[in-house]
Amino acid sequence: MKNTLKGALAASCLLMLPVAAKASDYLSIGSCPVPCTAYTWAAGVADVINRNVEGVQATAEETKGYIANIRLMQNGEMEASLATSLSAYEAYTASGNYEGTEPGKIMAWMSIAPVAMHILTVEGSSVNTLEDLKGKRVGMGQPGGTSMLDADLLMERIAGEDYEPFRVRLGDMTDMLSDGNIDAALWNGSFPLPPVIQLAAQRDLKLIPVADDFFEALHADYPPYYRLSIPADTYDGVTEDTRTYGLANGLVISSDVPEEQVYQMTKAVFENLDDLAGMHPAFAAMSAETVLNGFGSPLHPGALRYYREVGIPGIEEFVARTSDD
């Protein structure tokens, strides 16, 4: 693994390393721009690793986001990162957006929080089902973002090219919905989403459910998508659960990281979830029952070893399902 820490951080971290530690013990965790949730998660995980795993110096790295993270890992410039489970699957299999890249390099590590597809509109809109999106003005998310890729997949299946896309960030989409400048908006993110909370305070929000037949066909082609619901009262005025689908928002790690190191880091995170929950509430919901959610690519051997040791539910079924054999 390469030492990718920035100058000042590298100098200060070297002072704290044991004499026997080597440059290969550095672990850079890619996240996103500093204000975002993924940076908070990466910083929390790095802190836990640094306090509990001897000889490893982890750091959260500010990046341009999840797509950039995968590319940096493929180029050997980072050892771990936050990513969606669809990106992890495509990177491992060298398919989809990562066709032509080296397969098998990026492995599943741990799911942190669900990412739910939000199909948003407001009362008075003619959009009441997925099929109603055909021919409409639809917010898709900004270029370079994973949410836009998910939105593209959905709209290709529903409408082909028969819709008008608006490729802007979520805050702009909710403003446009409120003002009537678009008919619907799509965003795959961890709920509750602050801009959607604000929209629900201004207008009567509608969340469009996803039918079983649409999900089953999507899942057949893209195994990392899994069924979930946005709970009632997550947003003001939405008083029933909304059936949708989503991905895992979690950590992936390079196959080059040694097994023992990944084992010790996985153990440290799971034994310190209470501390991590103090940094961000997503960790409070993380458990043995959720850690595999959404992943369709194989686990790093170090993580697999720990999960087997503690008896993660469904671990052997997961291994069989994601095996390269």
Protein backbone atom coordinates (compact mmCIF):
# COMPACT_ATOMS: atom_id res chain seq x y z
CA MET A 1 0.00 0.00 0.00
CA LYS A 2 1.23 3.47 -0.77
CA ASN A 3 1.67 6.28 1.73
CA THR A 4 -0.93 8.74 0.42
CA LEU A 5 -1.16 11.02 3.45
CA LYS A 6 -0.76 14.69 2.79
CA GLY A 7 2.44 16.39 3.90
CA ALA A 8 1.59 17.83 7.29
CA LEU A 9 -0.55 14.89 8.30
CA ALA A 10 2.17 12.48 7.29
CA ALA A 11 4.77 14.25 9.37
CA SER A 12 2.62 14.38 12.48
CA CYS A 13 1.46 10.77 12.12
CA LEU A 14 5.02 9.47 11.79
CA LEU A 15 5.77 10.81 15.26
CA MET A 16 3.04 8.60 16.69
CA LEU A 17 4.01 5.37 14.90
CA PRO A 18 5.80 2.59 16.80
CA VAL A 19 9.44 2.19 15.88
CA ALA A 20 8.68 -1.14 14.16
CA ALA A 21 5.87 0.26 12.00
CA LYS A 22 6.45 0.37 8.26
CA ALA A 23 5.14 2.57 5.44
CA SER A 24 2.94 -0.35 4.40
CA ASP A 25 0.94 0.15 7.60
CA TYR A 26 -0.67 3.34 6.33
CA LEU A 27 -4.36 3.10 5.41
CA SER A 28 -6.05 5.91 3.49
CA ILE A 29 -9.87 5.86 3.57
CA GLY A 30 -11.52 7.78 0.74
CA SER A 31 -14.71 9.67 1.49
CA CYS A 32 -16.06 12.85 -0.16
CA PRO A 33 -15.77 16.65 0.36
CA VAL A 34 -15.28 17.46 4.05
CA PRO A 35 -18.83 18.62 4.96
CA CYS A 36 -20.48 15.39 3.80
CA THR A 37 -21.57 12.40 5.88
CA ALA A 38 -19.08 9.99 4.30
CA TYR A 39 -16.16 12.10 5.53
CA THR A 40 -17.54 11.93 9.08
CA TRP A 41 -17.85 8.15 8.77
CA ALA A 42 -14.33 7.75 7.38
CA ALA A 43 -12.88 9.96 10.11
CA GLY A 44 -14.67 7.95 12.80
CA VAL A 45 -13.48 4.61 11.44
CA ALA A 46 -9.92 5.93 11.10
CA ASP A 47 -9.97 7.14 14.71
CA VAL A 48 -11.16 3.76 16.00
CA ILE A 49 -8.50 1.92 13.99
CA ASN A 50 -5.73 4.23 15.20
CA ARG A 51 -6.73 3.74 18.85
CA ASN A 52 -7.19 -0.01 18.70
CA VAL A 53 -4.97 -1.57 16.01
CA GLU A 54 -1.27 -1.47 16.77
CA GLY A 55 1.02 -0.44 13.94
CA VAL A 56 -1.67 0.90 11.60
CA GLN A 57 -2.05 4.60 10.86
CA ALA A 58 -5.40 5.32 9.18
CA THR A 59 -6.61 8.65 7.86
CA ALA A 60 -9.80 9.92 6.25
CA GLU A 61 -9.06 11.40 2.84
CA GLU A 62 -11.17 14.17 1.34
CA THR A 63 -12.07 13.25 -2.26
CA LYS A 64 -14.47 14.27 -5.00
CA GLY A 65 -16.82 11.43 -4.04
CA TYR A 66 -17.58 7.76 -4.47
CA ILE A 67 -16.84 7.41 -8.17
CA ALA A 68 -13.47 9.11 -7.69
CA ASN A 69 -12.79 6.82 -4.70
CA ILE A 70 -13.10 3.67 -6.79
CA ARG A 71 -10.76 5.07 -9.44
CA LEU A 72 -8.20 6.06 -6.79
CA MET A 73 -8.32 2.56 -5.33
CA GLN A 74 -7.95 0.96 -8.75
CA ASN A 75 -4.87 3.13 -9.33
CA GLY A 76 -3.37 2.07 -5.99
CA GLU A 77 -3.63 5.57 -4.52
CA MET A 78 -5.91 4.57 -1.62
CA GLU A 79 -6.43 1.37 0.30
CA ALA A 80 -10.09 1.71 1.37
CA SER A 81 -13.06 3.95 0.71
CA LEU A 82 -16.73 4.64 1.12
CA ALA A 83 -18.75 3.45 -1.86
CA THR A 84 -22.17 2.14 -2.77
CA SER A 85 -22.48 -1.62 -3.07
CA LEU A 86 -23.34 -1.30 -6.79
CA SER A 87 -20.05 0.51 -7.44
CA ALA A 88 -18.26 -2.16 -5.40
CA TYR A 89 -19.89 -4.94 -7.43
CA GLU A 90 -19.12 -3.34 -10.78
CA ALA A 91 -15.52 -2.58 -9.75
CA TYR A 92 -14.92 -6.15 -8.54
CA THR A 93 -16.40 -7.68 -11.68
CA ALA A 94 -15.00 -4.98 -14.03
CA SER A 95 -18.48 -4.44 -15.44
CA GLY A 96 -20.86 -1.54 -16.02
CA ASN A 97 -19.14 1.77 -15.30
CA TYR A 98 -15.84 -0.03 -14.64
CA GLU A 99 -15.73 -2.24 -17.72
CA GLY A 100 -12.17 -2.69 -18.92
CA THR A 101 -10.58 -2.17 -15.50
CA GLU A 102 -8.74 -4.81 -13.44
CA PRO A 103 -11.27 -7.19 -11.83
CA GLY A 104 -11.01 -8.61 -8.32
CA LYS A 105 -9.07 -5.71 -6.80
CA ILE A 106 -11.78 -4.05 -4.70
CA MET A 107 -13.52 -6.22 -2.12
CA ALA A 108 -16.50 -5.79 0.20
CA TRP A 109 -15.75 -4.80 3.79
CA MET A 110 -18.80 -3.60 5.75
CA SER A 111 -22.19 -2.02 5.15
CA ILE A 112 -22.83 1.08 7.27
CA ALA A 113 -26.23 2.41 6.24
CA PRO A 114 -28.95 1.74 3.64
CA VAL A 115 -29.23 3.95 0.59
CA ALA A 116 -32.87 4.21 -0.52
CA MET A 117 -34.14 5.27 -3.92
CA HIS A 118 -36.38 8.29 -3.35
CA ILE A 119 -38.88 8.98 -6.14
CA LEU A 120 -40.12 12.41 -5.18
CA THR A 121 -42.96 14.61 -6.28
CA VAL A 122 -45.57 16.86 -4.66
CA GLU A 123 -49.34 16.88 -4.42
CA GLY A 124 -50.89 18.19 -7.62
CA SER A 125 -48.31 16.44 -9.81
CA SER A 126 -49.57 13.90 -12.34
CA VAL A 127 -46.86 11.45 -11.24
CA ASN A 128 -48.41 8.70 -9.11
CA THR A 129 -46.57 5.59 -10.33
CA LEU A 130 -43.20 4.81 -11.89
CA GLU A 131 -44.83 4.55 -15.32
CA ASP A 132 -46.03 8.15 -14.99
CA LEU A 133 -42.41 9.35 -15.22
CA LYS A 134 -42.48 8.76 -18.97
CA GLY A 135 -42.51 12.04 -20.84
CA LYS A 136 -41.94 14.10 -17.68
CA ARG A 137 -39.35 16.61 -16.48
CA VAL A 138 -37.22 14.61 -14.04
CA GLY A 139 -34.44 15.64 -11.68
CA MET A 140 -31.62 13.09 -11.93
CA GLY A 141 -28.75 14.24 -9.69
CA GLN A 142 -25.50 15.91 -10.68
CA PRO A 143 -22.98 14.50 -13.19
CA GLY A 144 -20.25 12.46 -11.52
CA GLY A 145 -22.52 11.34 -8.69
CA THR A 146 -23.56 7.75 -8.03
CA SER A 147 -27.18 8.83 -7.51
CA MET A 148 -27.37 10.05 -11.11
CA LEU A 149 -26.16 6.64 -12.33
CA ASP A 150 -28.94 4.95 -10.34
CA ALA A 151 -31.47 7.42 -11.74
CA ASP A 152 -30.27 6.75 -15.29
CA LEU A 153 -30.81 3.01 -14.80
CA LEU A 154 -34.33 3.54 -13.50
CA MET A 155 -35.39 5.95 -16.25
CA GLU A 156 -33.89 3.80 -19.01
CA ARG A 157 -36.16 0.96 -17.90
CA ILE A 158 -39.23 3.11 -17.45
CA ALA A 159 -39.06 5.62 -20.27
CA GLY A 160 -36.14 4.88 -22.58
CA GLU A 161 -35.30 8.37 -23.81
CA ASP A 162 -38.82 9.75 -23.44
CA TYR A 163 -38.25 12.22 -20.61
CA GLU A 164 -36.48 15.52 -19.98
CA PRO A 165 -33.56 15.10 -17.55
CA PHE A 166 -32.34 17.82 -15.18
CA ARG A 167 -28.88 16.87 -13.93
CA VAL A 168 -28.51 18.97 -10.81
CA ARG A 169 -27.83 18.39 -7.13
CA LEU A 170 -30.55 17.35 -4.71
CA GLY A 171 -31.05 20.79 -3.14
CA ASP A 172 -31.67 22.32 -6.56
CA MET A 173 -34.07 19.50 -7.47
CA THR A 174 -36.20 20.01 -4.36
CA ASP A 175 -36.33 23.75 -5.05
CA MET A 176 -37.41 23.05 -8.63
CA LEU A 177 -40.10 20.62 -7.42
CA SER A 178 -41.41 23.21 -4.98
CA ASP A 179 -41.54 25.83 -7.73
CA GLY A 180 -43.16 23.50 -10.28
CA ASN A 181 -40.18 23.57 -12.63
CA ILE A 182 -39.85 19.76 -12.70
CA ASP A 183 -42.43 17.02 -12.27
CA ALA A 184 -40.40 14.54 -10.18
CA ALA A 185 -36.95 13.96 -8.77
CA LEU A 186 -34.88 10.81 -8.19
CA TRP A 187 -32.23 10.46 -5.50
CA ASN A 188 -30.61 7.37 -4.02
CA GLY A 189 -29.47 8.35 -0.53
CA SER A 190 -29.50 7.55 3.17
CA PHE A 191 -32.69 8.81 4.80
CA PRO A 192 -33.75 11.24 6.06
CA LEU A 193 -32.40 13.60 3.41
CA PRO A 194 -32.23 17.21 4.71
CA PRO A 195 -33.37 18.86 1.43
CA VAL A 196 -36.38 16.51 1.34
CA ILE A 197 -37.21 17.37 4.95
CA GLN A 198 -37.23 21.02 3.90
CA LEU A 199 -39.38 20.28 0.85
CA ALA A 200 -41.92 18.42 3.02
CA ALA A 201 -42.15 21.48 5.28
CA GLN A 202 -43.04 23.66 2.28
CA ARG A 203 -45.20 21.42 0.12
CA ASP A 204 -47.26 18.22 0.47
CA LEU A 205 -44.65 15.61 -0.39
CA LYS A 206 -45.38 12.38 -2.29
CA LEU A 207 -43.04 9.39 -2.32
CA ILE A 208 -43.75 7.06 -5.23
CA PRO A 209 -43.55 3.32 -4.37
CA VAL A 210 -41.75 0.73 -6.48
CA ALA A 211 -43.80 -2.30 -7.57
CA ASP A 212 -42.53 -5.84 -6.99
CA ASP A 213 -42.27 -6.73 -10.68
CA PHE A 214 -40.07 -3.72 -11.45
CA PHE A 215 -37.76 -4.46 -8.52
CA GLU A 216 -37.47 -8.17 -9.32
CA ALA A 217 -36.41 -7.46 -12.92
CA LEU A 218 -33.92 -4.82 -11.77
CA HIS A 219 -32.47 -7.09 -9.08
CA ALA A 220 -32.01 -9.92 -11.59
CA ASP A 221 -29.68 -7.70 -13.62
CA TYR A 222 -28.09 -5.82 -10.70
CA PRO A 223 -27.80 -8.11 -7.63
CA PRO A 224 -26.56 -5.41 -5.20
CA TYR A 225 -29.97 -3.69 -5.24
CA TYR A 226 -32.13 -4.96 -2.41
CA ARG A 227 -35.69 -4.38 -1.23
CA LEU A 228 -36.32 -1.92 1.58
CA SER A 229 -38.86 0.66 2.71
CA ILE A 230 -38.64 4.30 3.72
CA PRO A 231 -40.47 4.19 7.07
CA ALA A 232 -43.67 6.12 7.69
CA ASP A 233 -43.13 9.59 9.17
CA THR A 234 -39.54 9.79 7.96
CA TYR A 235 -40.81 12.89 6.17
CA ASP A 236 -43.71 15.10 7.29
CA GLY A 237 -47.01 14.09 5.74
CA VAL A 238 -45.85 10.68 4.46
CA THR A 239 -47.74 8.50 6.92
CA GLU A 240 -47.19 5.05 5.38
CA ASP A 241 -44.07 3.01 4.63
CA THR A 242 -42.93 3.50 1.02
CA ARG A 243 -41.69 0.33 -0.67
CA THR A 244 -38.60 1.02 -2.73
CA TYR A 245 -35.12 -0.42 -3.25
CA GLY A 246 -31.61 0.62 -2.51
CA LEU A 247 -27.99 -0.20 -1.94
CA ALA A 248 -25.53 -0.38 0.89
CA ASN A 249 -23.56 2.72 1.76
CA GLY A 250 -20.42 1.18 3.14
CA LEU A 251 -16.71 0.49 3.11
CA VAL A 252 -14.73 -1.37 0.48
CA ILE A 253 -11.07 -2.34 0.73
CA SER A 254 -8.25 -3.32 -1.58
CA SER A 255 -7.39 -6.98 -1.95
CA ASP A 256 -3.76 -5.91 -1.44
CA VAL A 257 -4.32 -5.10 2.25
CA PRO A 258 -3.03 -8.01 4.39
CA GLU A 259 -5.62 -10.39 5.83
CA GLU A 260 -4.48 -10.02 9.45
CA GLN A 261 -4.64 -6.23 9.22
CA VAL A 262 -8.19 -6.28 7.85
CA TYR A 263 -9.21 -8.79 10.51
CA GLN A 264 -7.92 -6.55 13.30
CA MET A 265 -9.49 -3.42 11.80
CA THR A 266 -12.87 -5.13 11.35
CA LYS A 267 -12.75 -6.35 14.93
CA ALA A 268 -11.90 -2.83 16.17
CA VAL A 269 -14.85 -1.25 14.37
CA PHE A 270 -17.37 -3.81 15.60
CA GLU A 271 -16.14 -3.64 19.17
CA ASN A 272 -16.43 0.16 19.17
CA LEU A 273 -19.80 0.81 17.51
CA ASP A 274 -21.01 2.68 20.59
CA ASP A 275 -18.13 5.14 20.27
CA LEU A 276 -18.78 5.53 16.55
CA ALA A 277 -22.49 6.15 17.19
CA GLY A 278 -21.43 9.20 19.19
CA MET A 279 -19.86 10.58 16.02
CA HIS A 280 -22.77 9.74 13.70
CA PRO A 281 -26.14 8.01 14.37
CA ALA A 282 -25.77 5.68 11.36
CA PHE A 283 -23.41 3.54 13.43
CA ALA A 284 -26.10 3.07 16.09
CA ALA A 285 -28.14 1.05 13.58
CA MET A 286 -25.17 -0.98 12.35
CA SER A 287 -25.11 -4.57 13.58
CA ALA A 288 -24.38 -8.19 12.73
CA GLU A 289 -27.75 -8.30 10.95
CA THR A 290 -26.95 -5.35 8.66
CA VAL A 291 -23.23 -5.59 7.87
CA LEU A 292 -23.69 -7.64 4.68
CA ASN A 293 -26.71 -5.72 3.36
CA GLY A 294 -26.55 -4.91 -0.33
CA PHE A 295 -23.11 -6.33 -1.12
CA GLY A 296 -22.83 -8.57 -4.16
CA SER A 297 -19.04 -8.82 -4.31
CA PRO A 298 -16.85 -11.09 -2.16
CA LEU A 299 -15.62 -10.07 1.27
CA HIS A 300 -11.97 -9.43 1.93
CA PRO A 301 -10.57 -12.59 3.59
CA GLY A 302 -9.74 -10.64 6.76
CA ALA A 303 -13.31 -9.41 7.13
CA LEU A 304 -14.69 -12.84 6.29
CA ARG A 305 -12.54 -14.40 9.00
CA TYR A 306 -13.91 -12.02 11.64
CA TYR A 307 -17.54 -12.38 10.51
CA ARG A 308 -17.27 -16.17 10.68
CA GLU A 309 -15.68 -15.94 14.12
CA VAL A 310 -18.55 -13.89 15.56
CA GLY A 311 -21.29 -15.77 13.69
CA ILE A 312 -22.69 -13.10 11.38
CA PRO A 313 -26.16 -14.35 10.31
CA GLY A 314 -26.20 -15.70 6.75
CA ILE A 315 -22.43 -15.53 6.31
CA GLU A 316 -22.08 -18.89 4.57
CA GLU A 317 -25.01 -18.17 2.24
CA PHE A 318 -23.37 -14.84 1.42
CA VAL A 319 -20.05 -16.54 0.65
CA ALA A 320 -21.76 -19.07 -1.62
CA ARG A 321 -23.69 -16.32 -3.43
CA THR A 322 -20.65 -14.11 -4.05
CA SER A 323 -18.12 -16.84 -4.77
CA ASP A 324 -16.13 -16.61 -7.99
CA ASP A 325 -16.46 -20.38 -8.46
